[in-house]
Amino acid sequence: MVGKFETNKDLVQELTTSGAQRVGNIAALITGTVAGVAREIGEFITDAIEMKEAAAAARRDAAAAEPAYDATDDEVRAPEQPVTEAEIVDETGVVSPKPVPEQH
């Protein structure tokens, strides 16, 4: 027959083993979760960096597509004819249509 001391020792041993396994399982869950969160944050930051680089490349492409404009003294001068000398058209009056002659 097993004595009281040995029974208590077996109980403590089983509780300790079970507790250690539970703590280990919880630690593994926490470790996996922390690793997953860190991975997601890293991927988010990578996406942000790639978007920033893509926007910068798009700006460079747009700037390269536009011809550089350098005004010279010849290009910056007054027009030969002032704009005020244009023909003035009066569009305020309503023109009635002329009657069409009857055809027989």
PDB file of N, CA and C in Angstrom:
ATOM      1  N   MET A   1       0.839  -1.175   0.000  1.00  0.00           N
ATOM      2  CA  MET A   1       0.000   0.000   0.000  1.00  0.00           C
ATOM      3  C   MET A   1       0.888   1.243   0.000  1.00  0.00           C
ATOM      4  N   VAL A   2       0.377   2.286  -0.682  1.00  0.00           N
ATOM      5  CA  VAL A   2       1.117   3.529  -0.821  1.00  0.00           C
ATOM      6  C   VAL A   2       0.792   4.398   0.382  1.00  0.00           C
ATOM      7  N   GLY A   3       1.817   5.027   0.918  1.00  0.00           N
ATOM      8  CA  GLY A   3       1.606   5.865   2.085  1.00  0.00           C
ATOM      9  C   GLY A   3       1.105   7.255   1.683  1.00  0.00           C
ATOM     10  N   LYS A   4       0.680   7.979   2.731  1.00  0.00           N
ATOM     11  CA  LYS A   4       0.128   9.327   2.527  1.00  0.00           C
ATOM     12  C   LYS A   4       1.183  10.252   1.926  1.00  0.00           C
ATOM     13  N   PHE A   5       2.414  10.140   2.357  1.00  0.00           N
ATOM     14  CA  PHE A   5       3.480  11.002   1.856  1.00  0.00           C
ATOM     15  C   PHE A   5       3.686  10.780   0.364  1.00  0.00           C
ATOM     16  N   GLU A   6       3.743   9.523  -0.042  1.00  0.00           N
ATOM     17  CA  GLU A   6       3.968   9.215  -1.448  1.00  0.00           C
ATOM     18  C   GLU A   6       2.788   9.650  -2.303  1.00  0.00           C
ATOM     19  N   THR A   7       1.577   9.532  -1.799  1.00  0.00           N
ATOM     20  CA  THR A   7       0.389   9.991  -2.518  1.00  0.00           C
ATOM     21  C   THR A   7       0.451  11.501  -2.717  1.00  0.00           C
ATOM     22  N   ASN A   8       0.820  12.223  -1.669  1.00  0.00           N
ATOM     23  CA  ASN A   8       0.933  13.689  -1.772  1.00  0.00           C
ATOM     24  C   ASN A   8       2.048  14.077  -2.744  1.00  0.00           C
ATOM     25  N   LYS A   9       3.164  13.330  -2.703  1.00  0.00           N
ATOM     26  CA  LYS A   9       4.269  13.603  -3.619  1.00  0.00           C
ATOM     27  C   LYS A   9       3.816  13.413  -5.061  1.00  0.00           C
ATOM     28  N   ASP A  10       3.096  12.335  -5.347  1.00  0.00           N
ATOM     29  CA  ASP A  10       2.588  12.080  -6.694  1.00  0.00           C
ATOM     30  C   ASP A  10       1.618  13.182  -7.137  1.00  0.00           C
ATOM     31  N   LEU A  11       0.779  13.650  -6.222  1.00  0.00           N
ATOM     32  CA  LEU A  11      -0.169  14.725  -6.521  1.00  0.00           C
ATOM     33  C   LEU A  11       0.571  16.011  -6.870  1.00  0.00           C
ATOM     34  N   VAL A  12       1.564  16.358  -6.062  1.00  0.00           N
ATOM     35  CA  VAL A  12       2.345  17.576  -6.311  1.00  0.00           C
ATOM     36  C   VAL A  12       3.096  17.443  -7.635  1.00  0.00           C
ATOM     37  N   GLN A  13       3.638  16.265  -7.894  1.00  0.00           N
ATOM     38  CA  GLN A  13       4.365  16.038  -9.140  1.00  0.00           C
ATOM     39  C   GLN A  13       3.442  16.199 -10.344  1.00  0.00           C
ATOM     40  N   GLU A  14       2.264  15.636 -10.307  1.00  0.00           N
ATOM     41  CA  GLU A  14       1.304  15.744 -11.410  1.00  0.00           C
ATOM     42  C   GLU A  14       0.831  17.185 -11.597  1.00  0.00           C
ATOM     43  N   LEU A  15       0.544  17.866 -10.481  1.00  0.00           N
ATOM     44  CA  LEU A  15       0.121  19.271 -10.569  1.00  0.00           C
ATOM     45  C   LEU A  15       1.229  20.137 -11.156  1.00  0.00           C
ATOM     46  N   THR A  16       2.461  19.878 -10.730  1.00  0.00           N
ATOM     47  CA  THR A  16       3.589  20.656 -11.240  1.00  0.00           C
ATOM     48  C   THR A  16       3.784  20.403 -12.734  1.00  0.00           C
ATOM     49  N   THR A  17       3.727  19.152 -13.137  1.00  0.00           N
ATOM     50  CA  THR A  17       3.880  18.805 -14.551  1.00  0.00           C
ATOM     51  C   THR A  17       2.758  19.422 -15.384  1.00  0.00           C
ATOM     52  N   SER A  18       1.533  19.276 -14.915  1.00  0.00           N
ATOM     53  CA  SER A  18       0.385  19.832 -15.623  1.00  0.00           C
ATOM     54  C   SER A  18       0.478  21.352 -15.706  1.00  0.00           C
ATOM     55  N   GLY A  19       0.839  21.986 -14.596  1.00  0.00           N
ATOM     56  CA  GLY A  19       0.980  23.449 -14.578  1.00  0.00           C
ATOM     57  C   GLY A  19       2.069  23.918 -15.523  1.00  0.00           C
ATOM     58  N   ALA A  20       3.200  23.194 -15.536  1.00  0.00           N
ATOM     59  CA  ALA A  20       4.307  23.567 -16.419  1.00  0.00           C
ATOM     60  C   ALA A  20       3.892  23.443 -17.882  1.00  0.00           C
ATOM     61  N   GLN A  21       3.158  22.381 -18.206  1.00  0.00           N
ATOM     62  CA  GLN A  21       2.685  22.221 -19.586  1.00  0.00           C
ATOM     63  C   GLN A  21       1.714  23.337 -19.969  1.00  0.00           C
ATOM     64  N   ARG A  22       0.829  23.690 -19.045  1.00  0.00           N
ATOM     65  CA  ARG A  22      -0.141  24.770 -19.326  1.00  0.00           C
ATOM     66  C   ARG A  22       0.585  26.103 -19.520  1.00  0.00           C
ATOM     67  N   VAL A  23       1.539  26.384 -18.647  1.00  0.00           N
ATOM     68  CA  VAL A  23       2.306  27.628 -18.774  1.00  0.00           C
ATOM     69  C   VAL A  23       3.078  27.623 -20.093  1.00  0.00           C
ATOM     70  N   GLY A  24       3.643  26.474 -20.450  1.00  0.00           N
ATOM     71  CA  GLY A  24       4.360  26.363 -21.725  1.00  0.00           C
ATOM     72  C   GLY A  24       3.438  26.595 -22.908  1.00  0.00           C
ATOM     73  N   ASN A  25       2.231  26.024 -22.859  1.00  0.00           N
ATOM     74  CA  ASN A  25       1.255  26.237 -23.937  1.00  0.00           C
ATOM     75  C   ASN A  25       0.865  27.709 -24.041  1.00  0.00           C
ATOM     76  N   ILE A  26       0.635  28.328 -22.889  1.00  0.00           N
ATOM     77  CA  ILE A  26       0.274  29.755 -22.879  1.00  0.00           C
ATOM     78  C   ILE A  26       1.427  30.589 -23.424  1.00  0.00           C
ATOM     79  N   ALA A  27       2.652  30.268 -23.016  1.00  0.00           N
ATOM     80  CA  ALA A  27       3.822  31.004 -23.513  1.00  0.00           C
ATOM     81  C   ALA A  27       3.961  30.838 -25.024  1.00  0.00           C
ATOM     82  N   ALA A  28       3.698  29.631 -25.531  1.00  0.00           N
ATOM     83  CA  ALA A  28       3.774  29.403 -26.977  1.00  0.00           C
ATOM     84  C   ALA A  28       2.708  30.216 -27.708  1.00  0.00           C
ATOM     85  N   LEU A  29       1.511  30.281 -27.129  1.00  0.00           N
ATOM     86  CA  LEU A  29       0.454  31.099 -27.733  1.00  0.00           C
ATOM     87  C   LEU A  29       0.856  32.568 -27.767  1.00  0.00           C
ATOM     88  N   ILE A  30       1.377  33.042 -26.650  1.00  0.00           N
ATOM     89  CA  ILE A  30       1.785  34.455 -26.577  1.00  0.00           C
ATOM     90  C   ILE A  30       2.920  34.718 -27.556  1.00  0.00           C
ATOM     91  N   THR A  31       3.896  33.808 -27.598  1.00  0.00           N
ATOM     92  CA  THR A  31       5.025  33.977 -28.511  1.00  0.00           C
ATOM     93  C   THR A  31       4.552  34.004 -29.965  1.00  0.00           C
ATOM     94  N   GLY A  32       3.665  33.090 -30.316  1.00  0.00           N
ATOM     95  CA  GLY A  32       3.135  33.065 -31.680  1.00  0.00           C
ATOM     96  C   GLY A  32       2.352  34.317 -32.015  1.00  0.00           C
ATOM     97  N   THR A  33       1.573  34.790 -31.053  1.00  0.00           N
ATOM     98  CA  THR A  33       0.779  36.002 -31.273  1.00  0.00           C
ATOM     99  C   THR A  33       1.678  37.215 -31.439  1.00  0.00           C
ATOM    100  N   VAL A  34       2.678  37.348 -30.569  1.00  0.00           N
ATOM    101  CA  VAL A  34       3.605  38.481 -30.670  1.00  0.00           C
ATOM    102  C   VAL A  34       4.347  38.430 -32.004  1.00  0.00           C
ATOM    103  N   ALA A  35       4.772  37.239 -32.410  1.00  0.00           N
ATOM    104  CA  ALA A  35       5.466  37.108 -33.695  1.00  0.00           C
ATOM    105  C   ALA A  35       4.540  37.484 -34.853  1.00  0.00           C
ATOM    106  N   GLY A  36       3.282  37.060 -34.783  1.00  0.00           N
ATOM    107  CA  GLY A  36       2.320  37.404 -35.829  1.00  0.00           C
ATOM    108  C   GLY A  36       2.057  38.899 -35.900  1.00  0.00           C
ATOM    109  N   VAL A  37       1.916  39.530 -34.741  1.00  0.00           N
ATOM    110  CA  VAL A  37       1.689  40.980 -34.701  1.00  0.00           C
ATOM    111  C   VAL A  37       2.904  41.715 -35.258  1.00  0.00           C
ATOM    112  N   ALA A  38       4.100  41.284 -34.858  1.00  0.00           N
ATOM    113  CA  ALA A  38       5.321  41.925 -35.360  1.00  0.00           C
ATOM    114  C   ALA A  38       5.431  41.774 -36.874  1.00  0.00           C
ATOM    115  N   ARG A  39       5.076  40.605 -37.395  1.00  0.00           N
ATOM    116  CA  ARG A  39       5.123  40.370 -38.841  1.00  0.00           C
ATOM    117  C   ARG A  39       4.139  41.291 -39.564  1.00  0.00           C
ATOM    118  N   GLU A  40       2.918  41.418 -39.042  1.00  0.00           N
ATOM    119  CA  GLU A  40       1.910  42.281 -39.676  1.00  0.00           C
ATOM    120  C   GLU A  40       2.338  43.743 -39.650  1.00  0.00           C
ATOM    121  N   ILE A  41       2.897  44.187 -38.527  1.00  0.00           N
ATOM    122  CA  ILE A  41       3.371  45.576 -38.436  1.00  0.00           C
ATOM    123  C   ILE A  41       4.499  45.802 -39.432  1.00  0.00           C
ATOM    124  N   GLY A  42       5.411  44.844 -39.523  1.00  0.00           N
ATOM    125  CA  GLY A  42       6.511  44.957 -40.481  1.00  0.00           C
ATOM    126  C   GLY A  42       6.021  45.028 -41.913  1.00  0.00           C
ATOM    127  N   GLU A  43       5.050  44.200 -42.260  1.00  0.00           N
ATOM    128  CA  GLU A  43       4.502  44.222 -43.617  1.00  0.00           C
ATOM    129  C   GLU A  43       3.774  45.533 -43.899  1.00  0.00           C
ATOM    130  N   PHE A  44       3.093  46.078 -42.880  1.00  0.00           N
ATOM    131  CA  PHE A  44       2.413  47.365 -43.044  1.00  0.00           C
ATOM    132  C   PHE A  44       3.430  48.470 -43.323  1.00  0.00           C
ATOM    133  N   ILE A  45       4.517  48.477 -42.566  1.00  0.00           N
ATOM    134  CA  ILE A  45       5.551  49.496 -42.771  1.00  0.00           C
ATOM    135  C   ILE A  45       6.195  49.319 -44.146  1.00  0.00           C
ATOM    136  N   THR A  46       6.425  48.071 -44.557  1.00  0.00           N
ATOM    137  CA  THR A  46       6.974  47.813 -45.890  1.00  0.00           C
ATOM    138  C   THR A  46       6.037  48.351 -46.968  1.00  0.00           C
ATOM    139  N   ASP A  47       4.737  48.124 -46.819  1.00  0.00           N
ATOM    140  CA  ASP A  47       3.760  48.656 -47.777  1.00  0.00           C
ATOM    141  C   ASP A  47       3.827  50.175 -47.836  1.00  0.00           C
ATOM    142  N   ALA A  48       3.935  50.818 -46.670  1.00  0.00           N
ATOM    143  CA  ALA A  48       3.998  52.282 -46.632  1.00  0.00           C
ATOM    144  C   ALA A  48       5.249  52.784 -47.345  1.00  0.00           C
ATOM    145  N   ILE A  49       6.377  52.116 -47.126  1.00  0.00           N
ATOM    146  CA  ILE A  49       7.622  52.518 -47.788  1.00  0.00           C
ATOM    147  C   ILE A  49       7.497  52.339 -49.300  1.00  0.00           C
ATOM    148  N   GLU A  50       6.929  51.217 -49.732  1.00  0.00           N
ATOM    149  CA  GLU A  50       6.768  50.977 -51.170  1.00  0.00           C
ATOM    150  C   GLU A  50       5.837  52.001 -51.806  1.00  0.00           C
ATOM    151  N   MET A  51       4.766  52.375 -51.103  1.00  0.00           N
ATOM    152  CA  MET A  51       3.846  53.392 -51.637  1.00  0.00           C
ATOM    153  C   MET A  51       4.536  54.739 -51.749  1.00  0.00           C
ATOM    154  N   LYS A  52       5.358  55.078 -50.752  1.00  0.00           N
ATOM    155  CA  LYS A  52       6.084  56.347 -50.785  1.00  0.00           C
ATOM    156  C   LYS A  52       7.056  56.359 -51.961  1.00  0.00           C
ATOM    157  N   GLU A  53       7.775  55.245 -52.157  1.00  0.00           N
ATOM    158  CA  GLU A  53       8.716  55.160 -53.275  1.00  0.00           C
ATOM    159  C   GLU A  53       7.991  55.206 -54.619  1.00  0.00           C
ATOM    160  N   ALA A  54       6.827  54.563 -54.708  1.00  0.00           N
ATOM    161  CA  ALA A  54       6.059  54.588 -55.954  1.00  0.00           C
ATOM    162  C   ALA A  54       5.561  55.999 -56.257  1.00  0.00           C
ATOM    163  N   ALA A  55       5.127  56.715 -55.229  1.00  0.00           N
ATOM    164  CA  ALA A  55       4.668  58.093 -55.430  1.00  0.00           C
ATOM    165  C   ALA A  55       5.822  58.977 -55.890  1.00  0.00           C
ATOM    166  N   ALA A  56       7.000  58.785 -55.296  1.00  0.00           N
ATOM    167  CA  ALA A  56       8.166  59.571 -55.705  1.00  0.00           C
ATOM    168  C   ALA A  56       8.544  59.247 -57.151  1.00  0.00           C
ATOM    169  N   ALA A  57       8.486  57.977 -57.527  1.00  0.00           N
ATOM    170  CA  ALA A  57       8.794  57.592 -58.907  1.00  0.00           C
ATOM    171  C   ALA A  57       7.778  58.189 -59.875  1.00  0.00           C
ATOM    172  N   ALA A  58       6.514  58.209 -59.482  1.00  0.00           N
ATOM    173  CA  ALA A  58       5.478  58.802 -60.331  1.00  0.00           C
ATOM    174  C   ALA A  58       5.719  60.296 -60.513  1.00  0.00           C
ATOM    175  N   ARG A  59       6.126  60.970 -59.435  1.00  0.00           N
ATOM    176  CA  ARG A  59       6.428  62.403 -59.548  1.00  0.00           C
ATOM    177  C   ARG A  59       7.624  62.628 -60.478  1.00  0.00           C
ATOM    178  N   ARG A  60       8.653  61.773 -60.361  1.00  0.00           N
ATOM    179  CA  ARG A  60       9.818  61.900 -61.244  1.00  0.00           C
ATOM    180  C   ARG A  60       9.426  61.651 -62.697  1.00  0.00           C
ATOM    181  N   ASP A  61       8.591  60.644 -62.932  1.00  0.00           N
ATOM    182  CA  ASP A  61       8.143  60.354 -64.294  1.00  0.00           C
ATOM    183  C   ASP A  61       7.334  61.510 -64.866  1.00  0.00           C
ATOM    184  N   ALA A  62       6.464  62.088 -64.047  1.00  0.00           N
ATOM    185  CA  ALA A  62       5.650  63.216 -64.508  1.00  0.00           C
ATOM    186  C   ALA A  62       6.531  64.417 -64.822  1.00  0.00           C
ATOM    187  N   ALA A  63       7.541  64.647 -63.997  1.00  0.00           N
ATOM    188  CA  ALA A  63       8.438  65.775 -64.235  1.00  0.00           C
ATOM    189  C   ALA A  63       9.269  65.543 -65.496  1.00  0.00           C
ATOM    190  N   ALA A  64       9.652  64.309 -65.745  1.00  0.00           N
ATOM    191  CA  ALA A  64      10.443  64.004 -66.940  1.00  0.00           C
ATOM    192  C   ALA A  64       9.593  64.109 -68.205  1.00  0.00           C
ATOM    193  N   ALA A  65       8.309  63.846 -68.102  1.00  0.00           N
ATOM    194  CA  ALA A  65       7.422  63.897 -69.262  1.00  0.00           C
ATOM    195  C   ALA A  65       7.117  65.326 -69.679  1.00  0.00           C
ATOM    196  N   GLU A  66       7.139  66.271 -68.749  1.00  0.00           N
ATOM    197  CA  GLU A  66       6.860  67.671 -69.058  1.00  0.00           C
ATOM    198  C   GLU A  66       8.133  68.321 -69.581  1.00  0.00           C
ATOM    199  N   PRO A  67       8.047  68.996 -70.736  1.00  0.00           N
ATOM    200  CA  PRO A  67       9.247  69.668 -71.224  1.00  0.00           C
ATOM    201  C   PRO A  67       9.596  70.832 -70.304  1.00  0.00           C
ATOM    202  N   ALA A  68      10.861  70.977 -70.082  1.00  0.00           N
ATOM    203  CA  ALA A  68      11.307  72.082 -69.233  1.00  0.00           C
ATOM    204  C   ALA A  68      11.103  73.374 -70.011  1.00  0.00           C
ATOM    205  N   TYR A  69      10.513  74.372 -69.419  1.00  0.00           N
ATOM    206  CA  TYR A  69      10.232  75.643 -70.079  1.00  0.00           C
ATOM    207  C   TYR A  69      11.205  76.677 -69.559  1.00  0.00           C
ATOM    208  N   ASP A  70      11.980  77.221 -70.481  1.00  0.00           N
ATOM    209  CA  ASP A  70      12.946  78.245 -70.117  1.00  0.00           C
ATOM    210  C   ASP A  70      12.664  79.449 -71.005  1.00  0.00           C
ATOM    211  N   ALA A  71      12.055  80.461 -70.438  1.00  0.00           N
ATOM    212  CA  ALA A  71      11.690  81.644 -71.211  1.00  0.00           C
ATOM    213  C   ALA A  71      12.936  82.470 -71.492  1.00  0.00           C
ATOM    214  N   THR A  72      13.116  82.796 -72.769  1.00  0.00           N
ATOM    215  CA  THR A  72      14.230  83.666 -73.141  1.00  0.00           C
ATOM    216  C   THR A  72      13.683  85.072 -73.321  1.00  0.00           C
ATOM    217  N   ASP A  73      14.573  86.013 -73.517  1.00  0.00           N
ATOM    218  CA  ASP A  73      14.136  87.404 -73.686  1.00  0.00           C
ATOM    219  C   ASP A  73      13.264  87.565 -74.921  1.00  0.00           C
ATOM    220  N   ASP A  74      13.533  86.796 -75.986  1.00  0.00           N
ATOM    221  CA  ASP A  74      12.729  86.895 -77.204  1.00  0.00           C
ATOM    222  C   ASP A  74      11.301  86.423 -76.970  1.00  0.00           C
ATOM    223  N   GLU A  75      11.130  85.441 -76.095  1.00  0.00           N
ATOM    224  CA  GLU A  75       9.799  84.901 -75.840  1.00  0.00           C
ATOM    225  C   GLU A  75       8.989  85.791 -74.916  1.00  0.00           C
ATOM    226  N   VAL A  76       9.666  86.613 -74.132  1.00  0.00           N
ATOM    227  CA  VAL A  76       8.962  87.464 -73.181  1.00  0.00           C
ATOM    228  C   VAL A  76       8.962  88.882 -73.745  1.00  0.00           C
ATOM    229  N   ARG A  77       7.972  89.166 -74.554  1.00  0.00           N
ATOM    230  CA  ARG A  77       7.835  90.500 -75.125  1.00  0.00           C
ATOM    231  C   ARG A  77       6.362  90.785 -75.361  1.00  0.00           C
ATOM    232  N   ALA A  78       6.038  92.025 -75.530  1.00  0.00           N
ATOM    233  CA  ALA A  78       4.654  92.426 -75.739  1.00  0.00           C
ATOM    234  C   ALA A  78       4.205  91.975 -77.125  1.00  0.00           C
ATOM    235  N   PRO A  79       2.927  91.620 -77.258  1.00  0.00           N
ATOM    236  CA  PRO A  79       2.430  91.234 -78.581  1.00  0.00           C
ATOM    237  C   PRO A  79       2.486  92.424 -79.535  1.00  0.00           C
ATOM    238  N   GLU A  80       2.605  92.116 -80.828  1.00  0.00           N
ATOM    239  CA  GLU A  80       2.710  93.180 -81.819  1.00  0.00           C
ATOM    240  C   GLU A  80       1.430  93.994 -81.908  1.00  0.00           C
ATOM    241  N   GLN A  81       0.290  93.354 -81.820  1.00  0.00           N
ATOM    242  CA  GLN A  81      -0.980  94.071 -81.848  1.00  0.00           C
ATOM    243  C   GLN A  81      -1.642  93.916 -80.488  1.00  0.00           C
ATOM    244  N   PRO A  82      -2.115  95.025 -79.933  1.00  0.00           N
ATOM    245  CA  PRO A  82      -2.816  94.894 -78.654  1.00  0.00           C
ATOM    246  C   PRO A  82      -4.104  94.092 -78.831  1.00  0.00           C
ATOM    247  N   VAL A  83      -4.491  93.424 -77.811  1.00  0.00           N
ATOM    248  CA  VAL A  83      -5.694  92.604 -77.846  1.00  0.00           C
ATOM    249  C   VAL A  83      -6.933  93.472 -78.006  1.00  0.00           C
ATOM    250  N   THR A  84      -6.900  94.712 -77.575  1.00  0.00           N
ATOM    251  CA  THR A  84      -8.073  95.583 -77.632  1.00  0.00           C
ATOM    252  C   THR A  84      -8.447  95.969 -79.059  1.00  0.00           C
ATOM    253  N   GLU A  85      -7.607  95.722 -80.036  1.00  0.00           N
ATOM    254  CA  GLU A  85      -7.919  96.067 -81.410  1.00  0.00           C
ATOM    255  C   GLU A  85      -8.679  94.955 -82.124  1.00  0.00           C
ATOM    256  N   ALA A  86      -9.167  93.995 -81.406  1.00  0.00           N
ATOM    257  CA  ALA A  86      -9.927  92.910 -82.019  1.00  0.00           C
ATOM    258  C   ALA A  86     -11.299  93.416 -82.442  1.00  0.00           C
ATOM    259  N   GLU A  87     -11.889  92.735 -83.396  1.00  0.00           N
ATOM    260  CA  GLU A  87     -13.210  93.109 -83.882  1.00  0.00           C
ATOM    261  C   GLU A  87     -14.233  92.876 -82.772  1.00  0.00           C
ATOM    262  N   ILE A  88     -15.120  93.839 -82.590  1.00  0.00           N
ATOM    263  CA  ILE A  88     -16.148  93.733 -81.563  1.00  0.00           C
ATOM    264  C   ILE A  88     -17.428  93.252 -82.224  1.00  0.00           C
ATOM    265  N   VAL A  89     -18.011  92.210 -81.685  1.00  0.00           N
ATOM    266  CA  VAL A  89     -19.239  91.640 -82.228  1.00  0.00           C
ATOM    267  C   VAL A  89     -20.338  91.862 -81.209  1.00  0.00           C
ATOM    268  N   ASP A  90     -21.430  92.494 -81.656  1.00  0.00           N
ATOM    269  CA  ASP A  90     -22.561  92.735 -80.757  1.00  0.00           C
ATOM    270  C   ASP A  90     -23.501  91.548 -80.844  1.00  0.00           C
ATOM    271  N   GLU A  91     -23.600  90.797 -79.775  1.00  0.00           N
ATOM    272  CA  GLU A  91     -24.468  89.625 -79.750  1.00  0.00           C
ATOM    273  C   GLU A  91     -25.666  89.830 -78.835  1.00  0.00           C
ATOM    274  N   THR A  92     -25.942  91.070 -78.481  1.00  0.00           N
ATOM    275  CA  THR A  92     -27.051  91.309 -77.561  1.00  0.00           C
ATOM    276  C   THR A  92     -28.397  91.320 -78.261  1.00  0.00           C
ATOM    277  N   GLY A  93     -28.449  91.683 -79.535  1.00  0.00           N
ATOM    278  CA  GLY A  93     -29.725  91.754 -80.252  1.00  0.00           C
ATOM    279  C   GLY A  93     -30.164  90.382 -80.734  1.00  0.00           C
ATOM    280  N   VAL A  94     -31.476  90.207 -80.831  1.00  0.00           N
ATOM    281  CA  VAL A  94     -32.043  88.960 -81.326  1.00  0.00           C
ATOM    282  C   VAL A  94     -32.394  89.174 -82.783  1.00  0.00           C
ATOM    283  N   VAL A  95     -31.948  88.311 -83.621  1.00  0.00           N
ATOM    284  CA  VAL A  95     -32.214  88.418 -85.052  1.00  0.00           C
ATOM    285  C   VAL A  95     -33.414  87.551 -85.368  1.00  0.00           C
ATOM    286  N   SER A  96     -34.436  88.182 -85.985  1.00  0.00           N
ATOM    287  CA  SER A  96     -35.625  87.426 -86.385  1.00  0.00           C
ATOM    288  C   SER A  96     -35.356  86.789 -87.729  1.00  0.00           C
ATOM    289  N   PRO A  97     -35.813  85.579 -87.924  1.00  0.00           N
ATOM    290  CA  PRO A  97     -35.593  84.941 -89.222  1.00  0.00           C
ATOM    291  C   PRO A  97     -36.438  85.621 -90.295  1.00  0.00           C
ATOM    292  N   LYS A  98     -35.917  85.659 -91.489  1.00  0.00           N
ATOM    293  CA  LYS A  98     -36.654  86.243 -92.612  1.00  0.00           C
ATOM    294  C   LYS A  98     -37.691  85.231 -93.068  1.00  0.00           C
ATOM    295  N   PRO A  99     -38.887  85.744 -93.488  1.00  0.00           N
ATOM    296  CA  PRO A  99     -39.906  84.800 -93.961  1.00  0.00           C
ATOM    297  C   PRO A  99     -39.463  84.129 -95.255  1.00  0.00           C
ATOM    298  N   VAL A 100     -39.812  82.871 -95.367  1.00  0.00           N
ATOM    299  CA  VAL A 100     -39.490  82.097 -96.568  1.00  0.00           C
ATOM    300  C   VAL A 100     -40.602  82.344 -97.586  1.00  0.00           C
ATOM    301  N   PRO A 101     -40.251  82.720 -98.825  1.00  0.00           N
ATOM    302  CA  PRO A 101     -41.297  82.950 -99.823  1.00  0.00           C
ATOM    303  C   PRO A 101     -42.032  81.651-100.144  1.00  0.00           C
ATOM    304  N   GLU A 102     -43.326  81.816-100.375  1.00  0.00           N
ATOM    305  CA  GLU A 102     -44.150  80.642-100.682  1.00  0.00           C
ATOM    306  C   GLU A 102     -43.835  80.147-102.073  1.00  0.00           C
ATOM    307  N   GLN A 103     -43.823  78.870-102.224  1.00  0.00           N
ATOM    308  CA  GLN A 103     -43.568  78.273-103.532  1.00  0.00           C
ATOM    309  C   GLN A 103     -44.854  77.651-104.041  1.00  0.00           C
ATOM    310  N   HIS A 104     -45.208  77.932-105.286  1.00  0.00           N
ATOM    311  CA  HIS A 104     -46.430  77.367-105.892  1.00  0.00           C
ATOM    312  C   HIS A 104     -46.106  76.422-106.949  1.00  0.00           C
TER     313      HIS A 104
END
